[in-house]
Amino acid sequence: MRSINLLLIDGLNLIRRIYAVQPDIEQSLQLVAQSLRRAIRDCQPTHGLMVLEGQGPNWRKQLYPSYKANRAEAPQALTDNLPRFITLCQDQGISSFQLDHYEADDVIASIACKAQVAGCKVIVLSTDKLFCQLISKEITIRDHFAKQNRDAQYVYEKFGVQIEQLVDYWALVGDSTNNIPGIKGVGPKTAKQLLNQYDSIKTITTQSIHPQSSAENKMISLLKASQQQLSLFQQLVELRTDVGLGVNLQDLRLI
């Protein structure tokens, strides 16, 4: 029996990236079709699904009203023609899915983790860095445009921390693409040093540690005083993996 290889496509990430380079609907449709064919050829999936953003306010926006407040709305021409992109995807044998009040990221993460538990291999096609927190032996993150699979080595070279430390890292430094500020005064260099030395935010804020300098002592005091903010930012950058979906893997079979 052939093993299951599930391709999960971050739909708007792919479509908007292509449309930004080629803001002509007809040409964008052609380029998306080419990209889907290349993704299928490169990834050799047995199952596939394109996931789109759900309608209505999502839980992150309710928790933190400034979430993505710096994001421009999708161009109207793209929004109006989204059904054509969905049909195009279906022509390649790939269904689409969206769940109201949930972002595509959480839906993809939930499907990926459930498939992983079931013994499937999963490839997530997206340039969104937040997916890197899912990387495992079974889950691969693929940058379609760079033709690159992101792995633990990529994470360490890019961020200077381990995969399991990414949520804490982004909580500290923030995520400008989603309008999450992080802790003022904590940059990537400081965050890497603290996490490499103390492993986690929890260790820094709840355990008795001995700073090696007055500057480090000042920084740790700042983080201990910022626990409420840090907890909020951790929730915002951590992908949900427990979303109830009702998705049947058999329905996603390509071949």
C-alpha atoms as a PDB file:
ATOM      1  CA  MET A   1       0.000   0.000   0.000  1.00  0.00           C
ATOM      2  CA  ARG A   2       1.376   3.393  -1.007  1.00  0.00           C
ATOM      3  CA  SER A   3       1.994   5.760   1.902  1.00  0.00           C
ATOM      4  CA  ILE A   4      -0.081   8.920   2.116  1.00  0.00           C
ATOM      5  CA  ASN A   5       1.635  12.157   1.130  1.00  0.00           C
ATOM      6  CA  LEU A   6      -0.672  15.110   1.850  1.00  0.00           C
ATOM      7  CA  LEU A   7      -0.109  18.478   0.168  1.00  0.00           C
ATOM      8  CA  LEU A   8      -1.721  21.426   1.999  1.00  0.00           C
ATOM      9  CA  ILE A   9      -1.709  24.685   0.060  1.00  0.00           C
ATOM     10  CA  ASP A  10      -1.973  28.043   1.789  1.00  0.00           C
ATOM     11  CA  GLY A  11      -4.305  29.333  -0.915  1.00  0.00           C
ATOM     12  CA  LEU A  12      -4.193  33.106  -0.533  1.00  0.00           C
ATOM     13  CA  ASN A  13      -0.483  33.035   0.233  1.00  0.00           C
ATOM     14  CA  LEU A  14       0.115  31.459  -3.175  1.00  0.00           C
ATOM     15  CA  ILE A  15      -2.473  33.486  -5.097  1.00  0.00           C
ATOM     16  CA  ARG A  16      -1.630  36.881  -3.609  1.00  0.00           C
ATOM     17  CA  ARG A  17       2.107  36.390  -4.070  1.00  0.00           C
ATOM     18  CA  ILE A  18       1.560  35.661  -7.747  1.00  0.00           C
ATOM     19  CA  TYR A  19      -0.986  38.453  -8.227  1.00  0.00           C
ATOM     20  CA  ALA A  20       1.377  40.971  -6.581  1.00  0.00           C
ATOM     21  CA  VAL A  21       3.962  40.227  -9.264  1.00  0.00           C
ATOM     22  CA  GLN A  22       1.448  39.940 -12.114  1.00  0.00           C
ATOM     23  CA  PRO A  23      -1.654  42.040 -11.312  1.00  0.00           C
ATOM     24  CA  ASP A  24      -3.593  40.837 -14.322  1.00  0.00           C
ATOM     25  CA  ILE A  25      -6.283  38.299 -13.504  1.00  0.00           C
ATOM     26  CA  GLU A  26      -6.001  36.235 -16.672  1.00  0.00           C
ATOM     27  CA  GLN A  27      -2.214  35.981 -16.452  1.00  0.00           C
ATOM     28  CA  SER A  28      -2.367  35.348 -12.716  1.00  0.00           C
ATOM     29  CA  LEU A  29      -4.758  32.466 -13.332  1.00  0.00           C
ATOM     30  CA  GLN A  30      -2.310  30.955 -15.793  1.00  0.00           C
ATOM     31  CA  LEU A  31       0.594  31.383 -13.385  1.00  0.00           C
ATOM     32  CA  VAL A  32      -1.323  29.845 -10.491  1.00  0.00           C
ATOM     33  CA  ALA A  33      -2.222  26.871 -12.696  1.00  0.00           C
ATOM     34  CA  GLN A  34       1.444  26.467 -13.602  1.00  0.00           C
ATOM     35  CA  SER A  35       2.420  26.700  -9.938  1.00  0.00           C
ATOM     36  CA  LEU A  36      -0.096  24.042  -8.941  1.00  0.00           C
ATOM     37  CA  ARG A  37       1.158  21.686 -11.635  1.00  0.00           C
ATOM     38  CA  ARG A  38       4.740  22.277 -10.516  1.00  0.00           C
ATOM     39  CA  ALA A  39       3.825  21.727  -6.866  1.00  0.00           C
ATOM     40  CA  ILE A  40       2.180  18.417  -7.727  1.00  0.00           C
ATOM     41  CA  ARG A  41       5.165  17.401  -9.838  1.00  0.00           C
ATOM     42  CA  ASP A  42       7.729  18.410  -7.197  1.00  0.00           C
ATOM     43  CA  CYS A  43       5.896  17.121  -4.118  1.00  0.00           C
ATOM     44  CA  GLN A  44       4.311  13.986  -5.609  1.00  0.00           C
ATOM     45  CA  PRO A  45       1.258  14.097  -3.296  1.00  0.00           C
ATOM     46  CA  THR A  46      -1.307  11.343  -3.056  1.00  0.00           C
ATOM     47  CA  HIS A  47      -3.775  13.747  -1.406  1.00  0.00           C
ATOM     48  CA  GLY A  48      -4.188  17.497  -1.586  1.00  0.00           C
ATOM     49  CA  LEU A  49      -6.201  20.445  -0.302  1.00  0.00           C
ATOM     50  CA  MET A  50      -6.112  24.208  -0.813  1.00  0.00           C
ATOM     51  CA  VAL A  51      -7.113  26.075   2.349  1.00  0.00           C
ATOM     52  CA  LEU A  52      -8.536  29.608   2.273  1.00  0.00           C
ATOM     53  CA  GLU A  53      -9.285  32.200   4.930  1.00  0.00           C
ATOM     54  CA  GLY A  54     -12.620  31.798   6.695  1.00  0.00           C
ATOM     55  CA  GLN A  55     -15.236  34.538   6.619  1.00  0.00           C
ATOM     56  CA  GLY A  56     -16.011  36.715   9.642  1.00  0.00           C
ATOM     57  CA  PRO A  57     -13.897  37.838  12.613  1.00  0.00           C
ATOM     58  CA  ASN A  58     -11.403  35.284  13.883  1.00  0.00           C
ATOM     59  CA  TRP A  59     -10.406  34.547  17.453  1.00  0.00           C
ATOM     60  CA  ARG A  60      -7.069  36.383  17.220  1.00  0.00           C
ATOM     61  CA  LYS A  61      -8.787  39.611  16.172  1.00  0.00           C
ATOM     62  CA  GLN A  62     -11.215  39.241  19.058  1.00  0.00           C
ATOM     63  CA  LEU A  63      -8.368  38.611  21.477  1.00  0.00           C
ATOM     64  CA  TYR A  64      -6.189  41.424  20.120  1.00  0.00           C
ATOM     65  CA  PRO A  65      -8.079  44.021  18.024  1.00  0.00           C
ATOM     66  CA  SER A  66      -4.834  45.394  16.530  1.00  0.00           C
ATOM     67  CA  TYR A  67      -4.032  42.019  14.985  1.00  0.00           C
ATOM     68  CA  LYS A  68      -3.204  42.507  11.278  1.00  0.00           C
ATOM     69  CA  ALA A  69      -4.351  46.134  11.488  1.00  0.00           C
ATOM     70  CA  ASN A  70      -1.408  47.041   9.242  1.00  0.00           C
ATOM     71  CA  ARG A  71      -2.511  44.634   6.482  1.00  0.00           C
ATOM     72  CA  ALA A  72      -3.969  46.002   3.257  1.00  0.00           C
ATOM     73  CA  GLU A  73      -7.195  44.434   2.070  1.00  0.00           C
ATOM     74  CA  ALA A  74      -6.939  42.063  -0.885  1.00  0.00           C
ATOM     75  CA  PRO A  75      -7.401  43.878  -4.208  1.00  0.00           C
ATOM     76  CA  GLN A  76     -11.053  43.904  -5.241  1.00  0.00           C
ATOM     77  CA  ALA A  77     -10.269  42.326  -8.604  1.00  0.00           C
ATOM     78  CA  LEU A  78      -8.657  39.415  -6.818  1.00  0.00           C
ATOM     79  CA  THR A  79     -11.546  39.025  -4.375  1.00  0.00           C
ATOM     80  CA  ASP A  80     -14.101  39.119  -7.197  1.00  0.00           C
ATOM     81  CA  ASN A  81     -12.255  36.412  -9.132  1.00  0.00           C
ATOM     82  CA  LEU A  82     -11.405  34.115  -6.223  1.00  0.00           C
ATOM     83  CA  PRO A  83     -14.057  31.560  -7.344  1.00  0.00           C
ATOM     84  CA  ARG A  84     -12.145  31.220 -10.623  1.00  0.00           C
ATOM     85  CA  PHE A  85      -8.943  30.397  -8.751  1.00  0.00           C
ATOM     86  CA  ILE A  86     -10.839  27.808  -6.696  1.00  0.00           C
ATOM     87  CA  THR A  87     -12.212  26.229  -9.893  1.00  0.00           C
ATOM     88  CA  LEU A  88      -8.748  26.237 -11.391  1.00  0.00           C
ATOM     89  CA  CYS A  89      -7.465  24.361  -8.341  1.00  0.00           C
ATOM     90  CA  GLN A  90     -10.283  21.842  -8.658  1.00  0.00           C
ATOM     91  CA  ASP A  91      -9.280  21.315 -12.297  1.00  0.00           C
ATOM     92  CA  GLN A  92      -5.949  20.066 -10.959  1.00  0.00           C
ATOM     93  CA  GLY A  93      -7.826  17.592  -8.745  1.00  0.00           C
ATOM     94  CA  ILE A  94      -7.357  19.615  -5.557  1.00  0.00           C
ATOM     95  CA  SER A  95     -10.376  20.590  -3.477  1.00  0.00           C
ATOM     96  CA  SER A  96     -10.602  23.814  -1.495  1.00  0.00           C
ATOM     97  CA  PHE A  97     -11.721  24.346   2.087  1.00  0.00           C
ATOM     98  CA  GLN A  98     -12.369  27.226   4.451  1.00  0.00           C
ATOM     99  CA  LEU A  99     -13.851  27.448   7.923  1.00  0.00           C
ATOM    100  CA  ASP A 100     -15.612  30.625   9.015  1.00  0.00           C
ATOM    101  CA  HIS A 101     -13.954  32.529  11.876  1.00  0.00           C
ATOM    102  CA  TYR A 102     -10.680  30.664  11.421  1.00  0.00           C
ATOM    103  CA  GLU A 103      -7.572  31.644   9.533  1.00  0.00           C
ATOM    104  CA  ALA A 104      -6.119  29.267   6.986  1.00  0.00           C
ATOM    105  CA  ASP A 105      -3.023  28.884   9.185  1.00  0.00           C
ATOM    106  CA  ASP A 106      -4.935  27.243  12.035  1.00  0.00           C
ATOM    107  CA  VAL A 107      -6.919  25.017   9.684  1.00  0.00           C
ATOM    108  CA  ILE A 108      -3.750  23.867   7.931  1.00  0.00           C
ATOM    109  CA  ALA A 109      -1.963  23.289  11.234  1.00  0.00           C
ATOM    110  CA  SER A 110      -4.884  21.246  12.574  1.00  0.00           C
ATOM    111  CA  ILE A 111      -5.118  19.086   9.453  1.00  0.00           C
ATOM    112  CA  ALA A 112      -1.340  18.631   9.320  1.00  0.00           C
ATOM    113  CA  CYS A 113      -1.068  17.507  12.938  1.00  0.00           C
ATOM    114  CA  LYS A 114      -4.029  15.137  12.676  1.00  0.00           C
ATOM    115  CA  ALA A 115      -2.532  13.639   9.506  1.00  0.00           C
ATOM    116  CA  GLN A 116       0.829  13.315  11.235  1.00  0.00           C
ATOM    117  CA  VAL A 117      -0.731  11.356  14.088  1.00  0.00           C
ATOM    118  CA  ALA A 118      -2.328   9.081  11.488  1.00  0.00           C
ATOM    119  CA  GLY A 119       1.120   8.322  10.041  1.00  0.00           C
ATOM    120  CA  CYS A 120       0.881  10.532   6.933  1.00  0.00           C
ATOM    121  CA  LYS A 121       3.599  12.644   5.417  1.00  0.00           C
ATOM    122  CA  VAL A 122       2.555  16.294   5.054  1.00  0.00           C
ATOM    123  CA  ILE A 123       3.893  19.119   2.897  1.00  0.00           C
ATOM    124  CA  VAL A 124       2.631  22.637   3.652  1.00  0.00           C
ATOM    125  CA  LEU A 125       3.074  24.949   0.681  1.00  0.00           C
ATOM    126  CA  SER A 126       3.487  28.475   2.062  1.00  0.00           C
ATOM    127  CA  THR A 127       6.002  31.273   2.591  1.00  0.00           C
ATOM    128  CA  ASP A 128       4.416  32.166   5.959  1.00  0.00           C
ATOM    129  CA  LYS A 129       7.189  31.773   8.532  1.00  0.00           C
ATOM    130  CA  LEU A 130       4.757  30.842  11.318  1.00  0.00           C
ATOM    131  CA  PHE A 131       4.363  27.396   9.757  1.00  0.00           C
ATOM    132  CA  CYS A 132       7.986  26.664  10.701  1.00  0.00           C
ATOM    133  CA  GLN A 133       6.781  25.824  14.219  1.00  0.00           C
ATOM    134  CA  LEU A 134       5.145  22.688  12.729  1.00  0.00           C
ATOM    135  CA  ILE A 135       8.329  21.248  11.192  1.00  0.00           C
ATOM    136  CA  SER A 136       8.895  17.641  12.183  1.00  0.00           C
ATOM    137  CA  LYS A 137       9.952  14.337  10.692  1.00  0.00           C
ATOM    138  CA  GLU A 138       6.498  14.035   9.110  1.00  0.00           C
ATOM    139  CA  ILE A 139       5.682  17.699   8.351  1.00  0.00           C
ATOM    140  CA  THR A 140       7.671  19.652   5.777  1.00  0.00           C
ATOM    141  CA  ILE A 141       7.227  23.340   4.991  1.00  0.00           C
ATOM    142  CA  ARG A 142       7.930  24.214   1.362  1.00  0.00           C
ATOM    143  CA  ASP A 143       8.650  27.637  -0.064  1.00  0.00           C
ATOM    144  CA  HIS A 144       7.236  27.147  -3.545  1.00  0.00           C
ATOM    145  CA  PHE A 145       8.886  30.255  -4.965  1.00  0.00           C
ATOM    146  CA  ALA A 146      12.377  29.555  -3.608  1.00  0.00           C
ATOM    147  CA  LYS A 147      11.961  25.842  -4.404  1.00  0.00           C
ATOM    148  CA  GLN A 148      13.171  25.158  -0.881  1.00  0.00           C
ATOM    149  CA  ASN A 149      12.056  22.861   1.920  1.00  0.00           C
ATOM    150  CA  ARG A 150      12.379  24.442   5.343  1.00  0.00           C
ATOM    151  CA  ASP A 151      13.877  22.236   8.045  1.00  0.00           C
ATOM    152  CA  ALA A 152      15.481  22.528  11.474  1.00  0.00           C
ATOM    153  CA  GLN A 153      18.731  23.769   9.931  1.00  0.00           C
ATOM    154  CA  TYR A 154      16.849  26.499   8.061  1.00  0.00           C
ATOM    155  CA  VAL A 155      15.119  27.562  11.298  1.00  0.00           C
ATOM    156  CA  TYR A 156      18.385  27.783  13.214  1.00  0.00           C
ATOM    157  CA  GLU A 157      20.169  29.667  10.451  1.00  0.00           C
ATOM    158  CA  LYS A 158      17.229  32.070   9.999  1.00  0.00           C
ATOM    159  CA  PHE A 159      16.199  32.680  13.609  1.00  0.00           C
ATOM    160  CA  GLY A 160      19.039  31.314  15.750  1.00  0.00           C
ATOM    161  CA  VAL A 161      16.783  29.092  17.877  1.00  0.00           C
ATOM    162  CA  GLN A 162      15.324  25.586  17.817  1.00  0.00           C
ATOM    163  CA  ILE A 163      11.923  24.802  16.286  1.00  0.00           C
ATOM    164  CA  GLU A 164      10.305  24.338  19.707  1.00  0.00           C
ATOM    165  CA  GLN A 165      11.524  27.819  20.732  1.00  0.00           C
ATOM    166  CA  LEU A 166       9.988  29.701  17.793  1.00  0.00           C
ATOM    167  CA  VAL A 167       6.751  30.671  19.543  1.00  0.00           C
ATOM    168  CA  ASP A 168       8.724  32.176  22.440  1.00  0.00           C
ATOM    169  CA  TYR A 169      11.099  33.885  20.005  1.00  0.00           C
ATOM    170  CA  TRP A 170       8.274  35.592  18.091  1.00  0.00           C
ATOM    171  CA  ALA A 171       6.505  36.532  21.328  1.00  0.00           C
ATOM    172  CA  LEU A 172       9.685  38.332  22.379  1.00  0.00           C
ATOM    173  CA  VAL A 173      10.643  40.054  19.125  1.00  0.00           C
ATOM    174  CA  GLY A 174       7.154  40.404  17.643  1.00  0.00           C
ATOM    175  CA  ASP A 175       5.822  39.685  14.173  1.00  0.00           C
ATOM    176  CA  SER A 176       5.484  42.848  12.106  1.00  0.00           C
ATOM    177  CA  THR A 177       3.552  41.103   9.315  1.00  0.00           C
ATOM    178  CA  ASN A 178       0.699  40.470  11.760  1.00  0.00           C
ATOM    179  CA  ASN A 179       1.128  43.715  13.734  1.00  0.00           C
ATOM    180  CA  ILE A 180       2.319  41.932  16.881  1.00  0.00           C
ATOM    181  CA  PRO A 181       4.830  44.280  18.548  1.00  0.00           C
ATOM    182  CA  GLY A 182       6.724  41.951  20.867  1.00  0.00           C
ATOM    183  CA  ILE A 183       8.455  43.348  23.951  1.00  0.00           C
ATOM    184  CA  LYS A 184       9.913  46.811  23.523  1.00  0.00           C
ATOM    185  CA  GLY A 185      13.686  46.700  23.829  1.00  0.00           C
ATOM    186  CA  VAL A 186      14.011  43.010  22.914  1.00  0.00           C
ATOM    187  CA  GLY A 187      15.507  42.465  19.488  1.00  0.00           C
ATOM    188  CA  PRO A 188      16.472  39.243  17.674  1.00  0.00           C
ATOM    189  CA  LYS A 189      19.997  39.178  19.131  1.00  0.00           C
ATOM    190  CA  THR A 190      18.783  39.501  22.726  1.00  0.00           C
ATOM    191  CA  ALA A 191      15.965  36.990  22.197  1.00  0.00           C
ATOM    192  CA  LYS A 192      18.371  34.416  20.756  1.00  0.00           C
ATOM    193  CA  GLN A 193      20.815  34.883  23.623  1.00  0.00           C
ATOM    194  CA  LEU A 194      18.122  34.540  26.275  1.00  0.00           C
ATOM    195  CA  LEU A 195      16.492  31.468  24.718  1.00  0.00           C
ATOM    196  CA  ASN A 196      19.806  29.753  24.033  1.00  0.00           C
ATOM    197  CA  GLN A 197      20.831  30.331  27.639  1.00  0.00           C
ATOM    198  CA  TYR A 198      17.553  29.751  29.493  1.00  0.00           C
ATOM    199  CA  ASP A 199      15.568  27.655  26.983  1.00  0.00           C
ATOM    200  CA  SER A 200      12.140  29.281  27.343  1.00  0.00           C
ATOM    201  CA  ILE A 201      10.131  32.292  28.468  1.00  0.00           C
ATOM    202  CA  LYS A 202       8.644  30.150  31.225  1.00  0.00           C
ATOM    203  CA  THR A 203      12.084  29.451  32.675  1.00  0.00           C
ATOM    204  CA  ILE A 204      13.029  33.134  32.508  1.00  0.00           C
ATOM    205  CA  THR A 205       9.837  34.425  34.123  1.00  0.00           C
ATOM    206  CA  THR A 206       9.032  31.749  36.707  1.00  0.00           C
ATOM    207  CA  GLN A 207      12.296  30.210  37.881  1.00  0.00           C
ATOM    208  CA  SER A 208      15.110  31.558  40.014  1.00  0.00           C
ATOM    209  CA  ILE A 209      18.016  32.277  37.678  1.00  0.00           C
ATOM    210  CA  HIS A 210      21.290  34.128  38.083  1.00  0.00           C
ATOM    211  CA  PRO A 211      21.945  36.775  35.419  1.00  0.00           C
ATOM    212  CA  GLN A 212      25.541  37.102  34.326  1.00  0.00           C
ATOM    213  CA  SER A 213      25.537  40.900  34.003  1.00  0.00           C
ATOM    214  CA  SER A 214      23.583  43.953  35.107  1.00  0.00           C
ATOM    215  CA  ALA A 215      22.237  44.351  31.556  1.00  0.00           C
ATOM    216  CA  GLU A 216      20.942  40.781  31.571  1.00  0.00           C
ATOM    217  CA  ASN A 217      19.443  41.272  35.011  1.00  0.00           C
ATOM    218  CA  LYS A 218      17.613  44.363  33.743  1.00  0.00           C
ATOM    219  CA  MET A 219      16.288  42.453  30.734  1.00  0.00           C
ATOM    220  CA  ILE A 220      15.050  39.528  32.815  1.00  0.00           C
ATOM    221  CA  SER A 221      13.310  41.943  35.190  1.00  0.00           C
ATOM    222  CA  LEU A 222      11.618  43.519  32.172  1.00  0.00           C
ATOM    223  CA  LEU A 223      10.364  40.137  30.961  1.00  0.00           C
ATOM    224  CA  LYS A 224       9.087  39.166  34.393  1.00  0.00           C
ATOM    225  CA  ALA A 225       7.148  42.421  34.487  1.00  0.00           C
ATOM    226  CA  SER A 226       5.801  41.709  30.978  1.00  0.00           C
ATOM    227  CA  GLN A 227       4.357  38.238  31.592  1.00  0.00           C
ATOM    228  CA  GLN A 228       0.813  39.228  30.648  1.00  0.00           C
ATOM    229  CA  GLN A 229       1.952  40.701  27.334  1.00  0.00           C
ATOM    230  CA  LEU A 230       4.168  37.709  26.622  1.00  0.00           C
ATOM    231  CA  SER A 231       1.324  35.293  27.270  1.00  0.00           C
ATOM    232  CA  LEU A 232      -0.890  37.226  24.840  1.00  0.00           C
ATOM    233  CA  PHE A 233       1.773  37.314  22.138  1.00  0.00           C
ATOM    234  CA  GLN A 234       2.469  33.596  22.574  1.00  0.00           C
ATOM    235  CA  GLN A 235      -1.217  32.862  21.975  1.00  0.00           C
ATOM    236  CA  LEU A 236      -1.242  35.028  18.864  1.00  0.00           C
ATOM    237  CA  VAL A 237       1.816  33.496  17.183  1.00  0.00           C
ATOM    238  CA  GLU A 238       1.138  29.881  18.131  1.00  0.00           C
ATOM    239  CA  LEU A 239      -0.868  27.992  15.517  1.00  0.00           C
ATOM    240  CA  ARG A 240      -3.979  26.161  16.683  1.00  0.00           C
ATOM    241  CA  THR A 241      -3.833  22.429  16.074  1.00  0.00           C
ATOM    242  CA  ASP A 242      -7.162  21.498  17.677  1.00  0.00           C
ATOM    243  CA  VAL A 243      -9.678  23.030  15.281  1.00  0.00           C
ATOM    244  CA  GLY A 244     -12.632  20.732  14.624  1.00  0.00           C
ATOM    245  CA  LEU A 245     -12.846  20.316  10.852  1.00  0.00           C
ATOM    246  CA  GLY A 246     -14.864  17.345   9.671  1.00  0.00           C
ATOM    247  CA  VAL A 247     -12.401  16.831   6.821  1.00  0.00           C
ATOM    248  CA  ASN A 248     -12.201  13.253   5.516  1.00  0.00           C
ATOM    249  CA  LEU A 249      -8.786  12.323   4.203  1.00  0.00           C
ATOM    250  CA  GLN A 250     -10.326   9.957   1.647  1.00  0.00           C
ATOM    251  CA  ASP A 251     -12.067  12.928   0.018  1.00  0.00           C
ATOM    252  CA  LEU A 252      -8.692  14.559  -0.623  1.00  0.00           C
ATOM    253  CA  ARG A 253      -7.235  11.726  -2.703  1.00  0.00           C
ATOM    254  CA  LEU A 254      -5.616  12.873  -5.953  1.00  0.00           C
ATOM    255  CA  ILE A 255      -4.788   9.543  -7.530  1.00  0.00           C
END
